[in-house]
C-alpha atoms as a PDB file:
ATOM      1  CA  MET A   1     171.920 102.529  85.131  1.00  0.00           C
ATOM      2  CA  ARG A   2     168.964 104.735  86.053  1.00  0.00           C
ATOM      3  CA  SER A   3     166.028 105.025  83.743  1.00  0.00           C
ATOM      4  CA  ALA A   4     165.668 108.449  82.188  1.00  0.00           C
ATOM      5  CA  GLY A   5     162.897 110.813  83.141  1.00  0.00           C
ATOM      6  CA  PHE A   6     161.107 113.118  80.748  1.00  0.00           C
ATOM      7  CA  LEU A   7     163.469 116.005  81.569  1.00  0.00           C
ATOM      8  CA  SER A   8     167.033 116.080  80.333  1.00  0.00           C
ATOM      9  CA  GLU A   9     169.788 116.805  82.854  1.00  0.00           C
ATOM     10  CA  ARG A  10     169.984 120.411  81.640  1.00  0.00           C
ATOM     11  CA  GLN A  11     166.214 120.907  81.861  1.00  0.00           C
ATOM     12  CA  ARG A  12     166.218 119.379  85.334  1.00  0.00           C
ATOM     13  CA  ARG A  13     168.982 121.729  86.471  1.00  0.00           C
ATOM     14  CA  LEU A  14     167.119 124.735  85.048  1.00  0.00           C
ATOM     15  CA  ALA A  15     163.917 123.591  86.764  1.00  0.00           C
ATOM     16  CA  TRP A  16     165.743 123.507  90.099  1.00  0.00           C
ATOM     17  CA  VAL A  17     167.155 126.991  89.499  1.00  0.00           C
ATOM     18  CA  GLY A  18     163.694 128.280  88.580  1.00  0.00           C
ATOM     19  CA  PHE A  19     162.165 126.666  91.651  1.00  0.00           C
ATOM     20  CA  LEU A  20     164.754 128.169  93.980  1.00  0.00           C
ATOM     21  CA  LEU A  21     164.446 131.625  92.427  1.00  0.00           C
ATOM     22  CA  ALA A  22     160.649 131.598  92.693  1.00  0.00           C
ATOM     23  CA  ALA A  23     160.760 130.204  96.232  1.00  0.00           C
ATOM     24  CA  PHE A  24     163.148 132.924  97.424  1.00  0.00           C
ATOM     25  CA  GLN A  25     161.426 135.711  95.493  1.00  0.00           C
ATOM     26  CA  ALA A  26     157.982 135.099  97.020  1.00  0.00           C
ATOM     27  CA  PRO A  27     158.763 136.045 100.654  1.00  0.00           C
ATOM     28  CA  LEU A  28     160.870 138.974  99.514  1.00  0.00           C
ATOM     29  CA  ALA A  29     158.055 140.298  97.336  1.00  0.00           C
ATOM     30  CA  ALA A  30     155.532 139.713 100.125  1.00  0.00           C
ATOM     31  CA  SER A  31     157.534 141.924 102.459  1.00  0.00           C
ATOM     32  CA  LEU A  32     157.989 144.691  99.883  1.00  0.00           C
ATOM     33  CA  ILE A  33     154.606 144.733  98.100  1.00  0.00           C
ATOM     34  CA  ASP A  34     151.247 145.349  99.769  1.00  0.00           C
ATOM     35  CA  ASP A  35     149.084 143.479  97.251  1.00  0.00           C
ATOM     36  CA  ALA A  36     148.916 139.704  96.792  1.00  0.00           C
ATOM     37  CA  SER A  37     150.885 139.549  93.528  1.00  0.00           C
ATOM     38  CA  TRP A  38     153.651 137.664  95.374  1.00  0.00           C
ATOM     39  CA  PHE A  39     151.288 134.684  95.465  1.00  0.00           C
ATOM     40  CA  PHE A  40     151.996 134.127  91.746  1.00  0.00           C
ATOM     41  CA  ALA A  41     155.606 133.243  92.616  1.00  0.00           C
ATOM     42  CA  VAL A  42     154.335 130.667  95.108  1.00  0.00           C
ATOM     43  CA  VAL A  43     152.088 129.093  92.463  1.00  0.00           C
ATOM     44  CA  VAL A  44     154.956 128.980  89.940  1.00  0.00           C
ATOM     45  CA  ALA A  45     157.272 127.399  92.519  1.00  0.00           C
ATOM     46  CA  LEU A  46     154.657 124.738  93.312  1.00  0.00           C
ATOM     47  CA  LEU A  47     154.118 124.009  89.626  1.00  0.00           C
ATOM     48  CA  VAL A  48     157.850 123.616  88.968  1.00  0.00           C
ATOM     49  CA  ALA A  49     158.205 121.455  92.092  1.00  0.00           C
ATOM     50  CA  THR A  50     155.426 119.195  90.799  1.00  0.00           C
ATOM     51  CA  VAL A  51     157.277 118.745  87.504  1.00  0.00           C
ATOM     52  CA  ILE A  52     160.538 117.954  89.324  1.00  0.00           C
ATOM     53  CA  ILE A  53     158.767 115.407  91.556  1.00  0.00           C
ATOM     54  CA  ALA A  54     157.074 113.753  88.562  1.00  0.00           C
ATOM     55  CA  ASP A  55     160.410 113.522  86.729  1.00  0.00           C
ATOM     56  CA  ASP A  56     162.045 112.083  89.834  1.00  0.00           C
ATOM     57  CA  ALA A  57     159.295 109.464  90.165  1.00  0.00           C
ATOM     58  CA  GLN A  58     159.766 108.439  86.529  1.00  0.00           C
ATOM     59  CA  ARG A  59     163.531 108.182  86.998  1.00  0.00           C
ATOM     60  CA  ARG A  60     163.086 105.889  90.007  1.00  0.00           C
ATOM     61  CA  ARG A  61     160.854 103.478  88.098  1.00  0.00           C
ATOM     62  CA  PRO A  62     162.607 100.269  87.104  1.00  0.00           C
ATOM     63  CA  ARG A  63     163.529 100.119  83.461  1.00  0.00           C
ATOM     64  CA  ALA A  64     161.304  97.851  81.346  1.00  0.00           C
ATOM     65  CA  GLU A  65     163.113  94.790  80.053  1.00  0.00           C
ATOM     66  CA  ALA A  66     163.183  94.351  76.274  1.00  0.00           C
ATOM     67  CA  GLU A  67     161.999  90.893  75.251  1.00  0.00           C
END
């Protein structure tokens, strides 16, 4: 059995959806908008990706044995 991360399965799924939406929205906004406001979507995508990676690292850690 895998050890649990700090995100529940539902939160993890929503984080992936949010990451994908932000990642696809950024290039679209960059092509449609002249200012650099599309960069905010890139920052949000990177932040969500960092949370997903941290949760994945915690899930891969071996479970501590109870003594």
